Structures are given as structure tokens and as C-alpha cells.
Amino acid sequence: MNIRKIEVVDLPQVLDLILELAEFEKGLHEVTNSLNQMEKDFEAKLFDCIVAELDEKIVGMSLYYFRYSTWKGKRFYLEDLIVTKSYQGSGIGKALFDYSIQIARDENCSGMTWQVLDWNTPAIDFYKKYQVSFDGQWVNVGLEF
């Protein structure tokens, strides 16, 4: 397995993983992002991504960006950690997550934040192995344009 940062040519496979996750989360109909938009946003450095590659095929990814907290300073925001279904449980998610933690540390972030659906027990159990804290006080809020 090879873990590396993506290049623009990897975006079609990254988008396929995103769509796979959206289907698993029963939200495929909500995906409005496109390959064209991702290419523009990647070139504008709005996000970065590392991938796990086996036999030249991307089987997992960690898509992230940096945000700023008025209380904590620079934070690593993990938008999505995805391993294609046929490779889940093989250690790829752990390798990607560990690599993501290292990027956050190398970038002098004060920590990492992300979200997980409350019904996604396998993901919750995975994160618990890292002794993370779950915050039940904050409510997700959004405004669509």
C-alpha cells in the first residue's frame, strides 16, 4: 500500500469514493459537487487529500483543509475519511488516519476536528480507539446557496 498526496489526475477516483460514501450515508441525492468544481477548488488550494493506493488503484482517502478557531488557533479539519467497502477492516483507514494526524502535527495545528454520523457505529468505534472526545453540545447549522 502506498499513501501519498493527490494530484489533479486522481480527482475522478476521489470523487468516486465520495459518491460511494454519500450512497452509504443515504445522501447521494444531496451531492452537488462535480469533477470540474473539485479540479478548480483543488487548484485554488481550498482542500488537500491523501490517498491509499493498491495496485495503482485508489482504495481510500482522507480529504482535509485547515480552519481557524478563535479559541484554539489553526485546526486540521478532516472532511472525509473513506475506505472503499471491499477494503474496510484491512488497516487502510488506520493508516490514513495516522498519516492525517501526522500532517496536522507537522502543520503545527492545535488539533483535529471532524464529524461522524451518530448511527455510523463502525466509524465511531474506530475513532474511540484514539481516545477522541465526542461533543454532544454543538448543533450542526448550514445555509445552502
N, C-alpha and C. Protein backbone atom coordinates (compact mmCIF):
# COMPACT_ATOMS: atom_id res chain seq x y z
N MET A 1 0.85 -1.18 0.00
CA MET A 1 0.00 0.00 0.00
C MET A 1 0.89 1.24 0.00
N ASN A 2 0.49 2.20 -0.78
CA ASN A 2 1.19 3.46 -0.87
C ASN A 2 0.23 4.57 -0.41
N ILE A 3 0.67 5.40 0.53
CA ILE A 3 -0.12 6.56 0.94
C ILE A 3 0.62 7.79 0.44
N ARG A 4 -0.12 8.66 -0.25
CA ARG A 4 0.50 9.83 -0.85
C ARG A 4 -0.52 10.95 -1.00
N LYS A 5 -0.01 12.16 -1.20
CA LYS A 5 -0.88 13.29 -1.51
C LYS A 5 -1.37 13.14 -2.94
N ILE A 6 -2.56 13.66 -3.19
CA ILE A 6 -3.13 13.51 -4.52
C ILE A 6 -2.56 14.53 -5.50
N GLU A 7 -2.78 14.21 -6.75
CA GLU A 7 -2.54 15.10 -7.87
C GLU A 7 -3.90 15.29 -8.55
N VAL A 8 -4.01 16.29 -9.39
CA VAL A 8 -5.29 16.59 -10.02
C VAL A 8 -5.83 15.39 -10.81
N VAL A 9 -4.95 14.57 -11.37
CA VAL A 9 -5.40 13.41 -12.14
C VAL A 9 -6.08 12.35 -11.27
N ASP A 10 -5.92 12.44 -9.96
CA ASP A 10 -6.54 11.48 -9.04
C ASP A 10 -7.99 11.84 -8.71
N LEU A 11 -8.40 13.04 -9.04
CA LEU A 11 -9.72 13.51 -8.61
C LEU A 11 -10.89 12.66 -9.09
N PRO A 12 -10.89 12.08 -10.28
CA PRO A 12 -12.02 11.20 -10.63
C PRO A 12 -12.19 10.04 -9.66
N GLN A 13 -11.08 9.42 -9.24
CA GLN A 13 -11.18 8.31 -8.28
C GLN A 13 -11.59 8.82 -6.90
N VAL A 14 -11.12 10.00 -6.53
CA VAL A 14 -11.52 10.61 -5.25
C VAL A 14 -13.02 10.88 -5.26
N LEU A 15 -13.52 11.43 -6.36
CA LEU A 15 -14.96 11.69 -6.46
C LEU A 15 -15.76 10.40 -6.39
N ASP A 16 -15.26 9.33 -6.98
CA ASP A 16 -15.94 8.03 -6.89
C ASP A 16 -16.07 7.58 -5.43
N LEU A 17 -15.01 7.77 -4.64
CA LEU A 17 -15.07 7.42 -3.21
C LEU A 17 -16.08 8.30 -2.48
N ILE A 18 -16.12 9.57 -2.82
CA ILE A 18 -17.08 10.50 -2.20
C ILE A 18 -18.50 10.04 -2.50
N LEU A 19 -18.76 9.66 -3.73
CA LEU A 19 -20.09 9.19 -4.11
C LEU A 19 -20.44 7.88 -3.41
N GLU A 20 -19.45 7.01 -3.23
CA GLU A 20 -19.67 5.77 -2.50
C GLU A 20 -20.07 6.06 -1.05
N LEU A 21 -19.39 7.01 -0.43
CA LEU A 21 -19.73 7.40 0.94
C LEU A 21 -21.13 8.01 1.00
N ALA A 22 -21.43 8.88 0.04
CA ALA A 22 -22.75 9.52 0.02
C ALA A 22 -23.86 8.48 -0.11
N GLU A 23 -23.63 7.47 -0.90
CA GLU A 23 -24.63 6.40 -1.04
C GLU A 23 -24.78 5.64 0.28
N PHE A 24 -23.67 5.32 0.94
CA PHE A 24 -23.70 4.65 2.24
C PHE A 24 -24.46 5.49 3.26
N GLU A 25 -24.26 6.80 3.23
CA GLU A 25 -24.92 7.70 4.17
C GLU A 25 -26.33 8.10 3.73
N LYS A 26 -26.82 7.44 2.67
CA LYS A 26 -28.17 7.69 2.15
C LYS A 26 -28.37 9.16 1.76
N GLY A 27 -27.32 9.76 1.20
CA GLY A 27 -27.39 11.16 0.81
C GLY A 27 -26.88 11.42 -0.59
N LEU A 28 -26.86 10.39 -1.43
CA LEU A 28 -26.35 10.55 -2.79
C LEU A 28 -27.08 11.67 -3.53
N HIS A 29 -28.38 11.80 -3.28
CA HIS A 29 -29.18 12.84 -3.95
C HIS A 29 -28.77 14.26 -3.53
N GLU A 30 -28.01 14.39 -2.45
CA GLU A 30 -27.59 15.70 -1.97
C GLU A 30 -26.24 16.15 -2.53
N VAL A 31 -25.53 15.27 -3.21
CA VAL A 31 -24.21 15.62 -3.74
C VAL A 31 -24.40 16.52 -4.96
N THR A 32 -23.88 17.74 -4.87
CA THR A 32 -23.93 18.67 -6.00
C THR A 32 -22.54 18.98 -6.53
N ASN A 33 -21.52 18.52 -5.85
CA ASN A 33 -20.15 18.75 -6.29
C ASN A 33 -19.91 18.00 -7.60
N SER A 34 -18.94 18.47 -8.37
CA SER A 34 -18.62 17.85 -9.65
C SER A 34 -17.11 17.74 -9.79
N LEU A 35 -16.69 16.95 -10.74
CA LEU A 35 -15.27 16.82 -11.01
C LEU A 35 -14.68 18.17 -11.42
N ASN A 36 -15.39 18.89 -12.26
CA ASN A 36 -14.92 20.20 -12.69
C ASN A 36 -14.73 21.15 -11.51
N GLN A 37 -15.70 21.17 -10.60
CA GLN A 37 -15.60 22.04 -9.42
C GLN A 37 -14.46 21.61 -8.51
N MET A 38 -14.31 20.30 -8.33
CA MET A 38 -13.22 19.81 -7.48
C MET A 38 -11.86 20.18 -8.07
N GLU A 39 -11.73 20.08 -9.39
CA GLU A 39 -10.46 20.46 -10.03
C GLU A 39 -10.14 21.93 -9.77
N LYS A 40 -11.14 22.80 -9.93
CA LYS A 40 -10.94 24.23 -9.68
C LYS A 40 -10.57 24.47 -8.22
N ASP A 41 -11.29 23.84 -7.31
CA ASP A 41 -11.06 24.04 -5.88
C ASP A 41 -9.71 23.47 -5.43
N PHE A 42 -9.31 22.36 -6.03
CA PHE A 42 -8.01 21.78 -5.70
C PHE A 42 -6.89 22.69 -6.18
N GLU A 43 -7.02 23.19 -7.40
CA GLU A 43 -6.01 24.11 -7.94
C GLU A 43 -5.94 25.39 -7.11
N ALA A 44 -7.08 25.82 -6.54
CA ALA A 44 -7.11 27.01 -5.69
C ALA A 44 -6.66 26.71 -4.26
N LYS A 45 -6.28 25.46 -4.02
CA LYS A 45 -5.78 25.02 -2.71
C LYS A 45 -6.82 25.19 -1.58
N LEU A 46 -8.09 24.94 -1.93
CA LEU A 46 -9.15 25.00 -0.91
C LEU A 46 -9.18 23.74 -0.06
N PHE A 47 -8.61 22.67 -0.55
CA PHE A 47 -8.53 21.42 0.19
C PHE A 47 -7.31 20.66 -0.26
N ASP A 48 -6.96 19.66 0.52
CA ASP A 48 -5.92 18.73 0.12
C ASP A 48 -6.41 17.33 0.46
N CYS A 49 -5.69 16.34 0.01
CA CYS A 49 -6.17 14.98 0.18
C CYS A 49 -4.99 14.03 0.09
N ILE A 50 -5.03 13.01 0.93
CA ILE A 50 -4.09 11.91 0.80
C ILE A 50 -4.90 10.68 0.42
N VAL A 51 -4.25 9.77 -0.29
CA VAL A 51 -4.94 8.57 -0.73
C VAL A 51 -4.12 7.33 -0.38
N ALA A 52 -4.83 6.24 -0.25
CA ALA A 52 -4.21 4.93 -0.11
C ALA A 52 -4.39 4.24 -1.45
N GLU A 53 -3.29 3.74 -1.97
CA GLU A 53 -3.27 3.17 -3.31
C GLU A 53 -2.75 1.73 -3.24
N LEU A 54 -3.47 0.84 -3.88
CA LEU A 54 -3.05 -0.56 -4.02
C LEU A 54 -3.12 -0.92 -5.50
N ASP A 55 -2.05 -1.43 -6.01
CA ASP A 55 -2.00 -1.81 -7.43
C ASP A 55 -2.50 -0.69 -8.34
N GLU A 56 -2.04 0.53 -8.05
CA GLU A 56 -2.35 1.73 -8.83
C GLU A 56 -3.83 2.11 -8.80
N LYS A 57 -4.58 1.57 -7.83
CA LYS A 57 -5.99 1.93 -7.67
C LYS A 57 -6.16 2.58 -6.30
N ILE A 58 -6.86 3.69 -6.28
CA ILE A 58 -7.12 4.39 -5.03
C ILE A 58 -8.25 3.68 -4.30
N VAL A 59 -7.96 3.21 -3.08
CA VAL A 59 -8.95 2.45 -2.31
C VAL A 59 -9.35 3.17 -1.03
N GLY A 60 -8.74 4.31 -0.75
CA GLY A 60 -9.10 5.08 0.44
C GLY A 60 -8.57 6.49 0.33
N MET A 61 -9.15 7.38 1.13
CA MET A 61 -8.72 8.77 1.08
C MET A 61 -9.03 9.49 2.39
N SER A 62 -8.28 10.54 2.62
CA SER A 62 -8.52 11.47 3.71
C SER A 62 -8.48 12.87 3.10
N LEU A 63 -9.63 13.51 3.03
CA LEU A 63 -9.73 14.85 2.45
C LEU A 63 -9.83 15.84 3.60
N TYR A 64 -9.00 16.88 3.55
CA TYR A 64 -8.92 17.80 4.68
C TYR A 64 -8.63 19.22 4.22
N TYR A 65 -8.78 20.13 5.15
CA TYR A 65 -8.38 21.52 4.95
C TYR A 65 -8.09 22.11 6.33
N PHE A 66 -7.54 23.29 6.33
CA PHE A 66 -7.22 23.95 7.59
C PHE A 66 -8.27 25.01 7.86
N ARG A 67 -8.66 25.11 9.11
CA ARG A 67 -9.61 26.13 9.54
C ARG A 67 -9.01 26.86 10.73
N TYR A 68 -9.65 27.93 11.11
CA TYR A 68 -9.13 28.71 12.21
C TYR A 68 -10.18 28.82 13.30
N SER A 69 -9.80 28.45 14.51
CA SER A 69 -10.68 28.56 15.67
C SER A 69 -10.25 29.77 16.49
N THR A 70 -11.21 30.61 16.84
CA THR A 70 -10.87 31.77 17.68
C THR A 70 -10.38 31.33 19.05
N TRP A 71 -10.75 30.14 19.48
CA TRP A 71 -10.32 29.65 20.79
C TRP A 71 -9.04 28.82 20.72
N LYS A 72 -8.83 28.10 19.61
CA LYS A 72 -7.74 27.13 19.54
C LYS A 72 -6.67 27.45 18.50
N GLY A 73 -6.93 28.38 17.58
CA GLY A 73 -5.98 28.68 16.52
C GLY A 73 -6.15 27.74 15.33
N LYS A 74 -5.05 27.44 14.66
CA LYS A 74 -5.08 26.63 13.44
C LYS A 74 -5.51 25.20 13.76
N ARG A 75 -6.50 24.73 13.03
CA ARG A 75 -7.04 23.39 13.22
C ARG A 75 -7.02 22.63 11.90
N PHE A 76 -6.87 21.34 11.99
CA PHE A 76 -6.95 20.43 10.85
C PHE A 76 -8.39 19.94 10.82
N TYR A 77 -9.09 20.21 9.74
CA TYR A 77 -10.47 19.72 9.62
C TYR A 77 -10.50 18.54 8.66
N LEU A 78 -10.85 17.39 9.17
CA LEU A 78 -10.97 16.18 8.38
C LEU A 78 -12.38 16.13 7.80
N GLU A 79 -12.49 16.42 6.54
CA GLU A 79 -13.81 16.45 5.89
C GLU A 79 -14.34 15.03 5.69
N ASP A 80 -13.50 14.17 5.16
CA ASP A 80 -13.93 12.79 4.94
C ASP A 80 -12.75 11.84 5.02
N LEU A 81 -12.96 10.74 5.71
CA LEU A 81 -12.04 9.61 5.72
C LEU A 81 -12.83 8.45 5.15
N ILE A 82 -12.42 7.98 3.99
CA ILE A 82 -13.20 6.97 3.27
C ILE A 82 -12.29 5.82 2.85
N VAL A 83 -12.75 4.61 3.09
CA VAL A 83 -12.12 3.41 2.55
C VAL A 83 -13.21 2.66 1.80
N THR A 84 -12.92 2.32 0.55
CA THR A 84 -13.93 1.61 -0.25
C THR A 84 -14.35 0.33 0.48
N LYS A 85 -15.61 -0.01 0.34
CA LYS A 85 -16.20 -1.08 1.15
C LYS A 85 -15.40 -2.38 1.14
N SER A 86 -14.90 -2.79 -0.01
CA SER A 86 -14.21 -4.08 -0.10
C SER A 86 -12.87 -4.10 0.65
N TYR A 87 -12.37 -2.93 1.07
CA TYR A 87 -11.09 -2.87 1.79
C TYR A 87 -11.26 -2.43 3.25
N GLN A 88 -12.48 -2.21 3.68
CA GLN A 88 -12.69 -1.81 5.07
C GLN A 88 -12.29 -2.93 6.00
N GLY A 89 -11.68 -2.56 7.12
CA GLY A 89 -11.22 -3.56 8.08
C GLY A 89 -9.83 -4.10 7.79
N SER A 90 -9.17 -3.56 6.78
CA SER A 90 -7.85 -4.07 6.38
C SER A 90 -6.70 -3.22 6.90
N GLY A 91 -6.99 -2.18 7.68
CA GLY A 91 -5.94 -1.32 8.21
C GLY A 91 -5.70 -0.06 7.40
N ILE A 92 -6.38 0.08 6.27
CA ILE A 92 -6.18 1.25 5.42
C ILE A 92 -6.68 2.51 6.11
N GLY A 93 -7.84 2.43 6.74
CA GLY A 93 -8.38 3.59 7.45
C GLY A 93 -7.44 4.06 8.55
N LYS A 94 -6.89 3.12 9.29
CA LYS A 94 -5.93 3.47 10.36
C LYS A 94 -4.70 4.15 9.77
N ALA A 95 -4.18 3.62 8.68
CA ALA A 95 -3.00 4.21 8.05
C ALA A 95 -3.30 5.63 7.58
N LEU A 96 -4.45 5.84 6.97
CA LEU A 96 -4.83 7.18 6.51
C LEU A 96 -5.04 8.13 7.68
N PHE A 97 -5.69 7.65 8.72
CA PHE A 97 -5.95 8.50 9.89
C PHE A 97 -4.64 8.87 10.59
N ASP A 98 -3.77 7.91 10.76
CA ASP A 98 -2.47 8.19 11.38
C ASP A 98 -1.66 9.19 10.55
N TYR A 99 -1.69 9.04 9.24
CA TYR A 99 -0.99 9.97 8.36
C TYR A 99 -1.61 11.37 8.47
N SER A 100 -2.93 11.43 8.58
CA SER A 100 -3.62 12.72 8.74
C SER A 100 -3.20 13.39 10.05
N ILE A 101 -3.11 12.62 11.11
CA ILE A 101 -2.65 13.16 12.39
C ILE A 101 -1.25 13.73 12.25
N GLN A 102 -0.40 13.01 11.53
CA GLN A 102 0.97 13.49 11.35
C GLN A 102 1.02 14.79 10.54
N ILE A 103 0.18 14.91 9.53
CA ILE A 103 0.11 16.16 8.76
C ILE A 103 -0.31 17.30 9.69
N ALA A 104 -1.32 17.07 10.51
CA ALA A 104 -1.79 18.11 11.44
C ALA A 104 -0.68 18.54 12.38
N ARG A 105 0.08 17.59 12.87
CA ARG A 105 1.20 17.91 13.76
C ARG A 105 2.30 18.67 13.01
N ASP A 106 2.63 18.19 11.81
CA ASP A 106 3.67 18.85 11.01
C ASP A 106 3.29 20.28 10.64
N GLU A 107 1.99 20.53 10.50
CA GLU A 107 1.49 21.86 10.15
C GLU A 107 1.24 22.74 11.38
N ASN A 108 1.67 22.25 12.53
CA ASN A 108 1.53 23.00 13.79
C ASN A 108 0.08 23.35 14.13
N CYS A 109 -0.80 22.41 13.86
CA CYS A 109 -2.21 22.59 14.23
C CYS A 109 -2.38 22.31 15.72
N SER A 110 -3.37 22.93 16.31
CA SER A 110 -3.64 22.70 17.73
C SER A 110 -4.48 21.44 17.93
N GLY A 111 -4.97 20.86 16.86
CA GLY A 111 -5.75 19.64 16.95
C GLY A 111 -6.51 19.38 15.66
N MET A 112 -7.32 18.33 15.70
CA MET A 112 -8.14 17.93 14.56
C MET A 112 -9.60 17.94 14.96
N THR A 113 -10.44 18.26 14.00
CA THR A 113 -11.89 18.15 14.21
C THR A 113 -12.51 17.50 12.99
N TRP A 114 -13.65 16.85 13.22
CA TRP A 114 -14.41 16.23 12.14
C TRP A 114 -15.78 15.87 12.68
N GLN A 115 -16.61 15.35 11.82
CA GLN A 115 -17.95 14.92 12.21
C GLN A 115 -18.13 13.45 11.85
N VAL A 116 -18.99 12.79 12.58
CA VAL A 116 -19.36 11.42 12.26
C VAL A 116 -20.85 11.29 12.57
N LEU A 117 -21.56 10.60 11.69
CA LEU A 117 -22.99 10.40 11.91
C LEU A 117 -23.22 9.54 13.15
N ASP A 118 -24.22 9.89 13.93
CA ASP A 118 -24.44 9.18 15.20
C ASP A 118 -24.84 7.72 15.02
N TRP A 119 -25.28 7.34 13.82
CA TRP A 119 -25.65 5.94 13.58
C TRP A 119 -24.52 5.13 12.94
N ASN A 120 -23.40 5.77 12.63
CA ASN A 120 -22.29 5.08 11.98
C ASN A 120 -21.39 4.43 13.04
N THR A 121 -21.91 3.37 13.62
CA THR A 121 -21.23 2.68 14.71
C THR A 121 -19.82 2.21 14.36
N PRO A 122 -19.59 1.63 13.17
CA PRO A 122 -18.21 1.22 12.86
C PRO A 122 -17.23 2.39 12.90
N ALA A 123 -17.62 3.55 12.38
CA ALA A 123 -16.73 4.72 12.40
C ALA A 123 -16.53 5.21 13.83
N ILE A 124 -17.59 5.26 14.60
CA ILE A 124 -17.50 5.71 15.99
C ILE A 124 -16.56 4.79 16.78
N ASP A 125 -16.73 3.49 16.59
CA ASP A 125 -15.87 2.53 17.29
C ASP A 125 -14.41 2.68 16.85
N PHE A 126 -14.19 2.96 15.57
CA PHE A 126 -12.84 3.20 15.07
C PHE A 126 -12.22 4.41 15.77
N TYR A 127 -12.94 5.53 15.83
CA TYR A 127 -12.40 6.75 16.44
C TYR A 127 -12.18 6.59 17.94
N LYS A 128 -13.00 5.79 18.59
CA LYS A 128 -12.83 5.57 20.04
C LYS A 128 -11.47 4.95 20.37
N LYS A 129 -10.90 4.22 19.44
CA LYS A 129 -9.58 3.63 19.66
C LYS A 129 -8.51 4.70 19.84
N TYR A 130 -8.80 5.90 19.39
CA TYR A 130 -7.86 7.02 19.50
C TYR A 130 -8.15 7.89 20.72
N GLN A 131 -9.07 7.47 21.54
CA GLN A 131 -9.45 8.21 22.76
C GLN A 131 -9.83 9.66 22.44
N VAL A 132 -10.65 9.81 21.40
CA VAL A 132 -11.13 11.13 21.00
C VAL A 132 -12.27 11.56 21.92
N SER A 133 -12.60 12.82 21.85
CA SER A 133 -13.77 13.31 22.61
C SER A 133 -14.92 13.56 21.64
N PHE A 134 -16.10 13.15 22.04
CA PHE A 134 -17.31 13.37 21.25
C PHE A 134 -18.08 14.51 21.90
N ASP A 135 -18.46 15.49 21.11
CA ASP A 135 -19.13 16.67 21.64
C ASP A 135 -20.62 16.60 21.28
N GLY A 136 -21.45 16.41 22.26
CA GLY A 136 -22.88 16.36 22.03
C GLY A 136 -23.58 17.69 22.21
N GLN A 137 -22.83 18.75 22.47
CA GLN A 137 -23.45 20.04 22.76
C GLN A 137 -23.71 20.88 21.52
N TRP A 138 -22.88 20.75 20.50
CA TRP A 138 -22.99 21.62 19.34
C TRP A 138 -23.97 21.05 18.34
N VAL A 139 -24.72 21.90 17.70
CA VAL A 139 -25.69 21.52 16.69
C VAL A 139 -25.16 21.97 15.32
N ASN A 140 -25.17 21.07 14.35
CA ASN A 140 -24.75 21.47 13.00
C ASN A 140 -25.74 22.45 12.41
N VAL A 141 -25.22 23.51 11.82
CA VAL A 141 -26.05 24.53 11.22
C VAL A 141 -25.51 24.79 9.82
N GLY A 142 -26.38 24.97 8.85
CA GLY A 142 -25.92 25.22 7.50
C GLY A 142 -26.86 26.15 6.75
N LEU A 143 -26.34 26.76 5.73
CA LEU A 143 -27.12 27.63 4.85
C LEU A 143 -26.69 27.30 3.44
N GLU A 144 -27.63 26.88 2.62
CA GLU A 144 -27.32 26.49 1.23
C GLU A 144 -27.57 27.66 0.29
N PHE A 145 -26.74 27.77 -0.73
CA PHE A 145 -26.92 28.79 -1.78
C PHE A 145 -27.09 28.14 -3.13
